[in-house]
Amino acid sequence: MDTKPLVENERRIAARIMSALAAAKVVVDLCDWHYVPPLEEWQLIIATPLYDSIGPRGTYFRLVDALERAGIYKDVPMRRVFLKSPKDPVVKLLRQEAREQQEGTIFLLKEPRNGPEQYSAVFSPFLAIRDSVVVRRFSALEEVEMFLKNELREPESEWRRALNELKATRSASIFPVQRSVRELKRLGLA
C-alpha cells in the first residue's frame, strides 16, 4: 500500500500548533505526523506530560485555548490532532522510527514509453527491513523536480544531475541516501 506523502500545508499546521503551545507554555515531548493506512491519512500526534497530570480532557482544553489565543483554531483540522502521554505505545514507536536510519538508493523512472507521461520514485534500502517496496508516482517532470528540490533536499548538484539523467535516459538514481524511517514515510517512500 502506498503511503501518501506529507504535504507542506500539514507541516505548516504542525509548526503553527507548536508555536501556539510554546506561547501557552505547554511542554511538548513529541510532535510528529503519523500515517494511518486504514484511514489513508496523516494524524498529528502531540505527546505532553500534561496528559498524565491533568488527563485527556484537561489537555485538550489547554490545546484549544492555546490555539484560540493564537487565532488559529479555525485553521487546525482538530479531527486529525491527537494528544497522548509520552508513555503511549504510538509515541514510543514514533521515537524509535526517528532513530532508525536506512541507507539506500532512490531510483527515478519515466514510464511508459507510450501514453501519458508518468514518473516514479522508489527508495531501495541497502539492508531491507520491510517486506514491500513503496512507489511514489508523479504525473509530470516538474513534480519530480519539486520532490527532489523541496522534499528530498539533496544537494542541488545531486538532484540536478539526477533530473538531467532522467530526462536523457528515462531513469536515474541518487545514492547513497540516508534517512530515518519517519522521514521516508513523510516522503511517501516507506
Foldseek 3Di string as FASTA:
>chain_A
DFQDAADPLNVVLQVLLVVLCVVLVFDWPDWAWDADVVVSDTAIETAGQCCVVVNDVVVVVSSCVSCVVSVCNVVDPVVRYHYDHCPDPVNVVVVVLQPAKFWFKKKKFWDDPDDATKIWIWTDTPDDPDDDWWIDMDRDLVVLLCLVVPQLPDPPVQSVVQSVCCVVPRMGMDDTRMHGSRSCSNSRGD
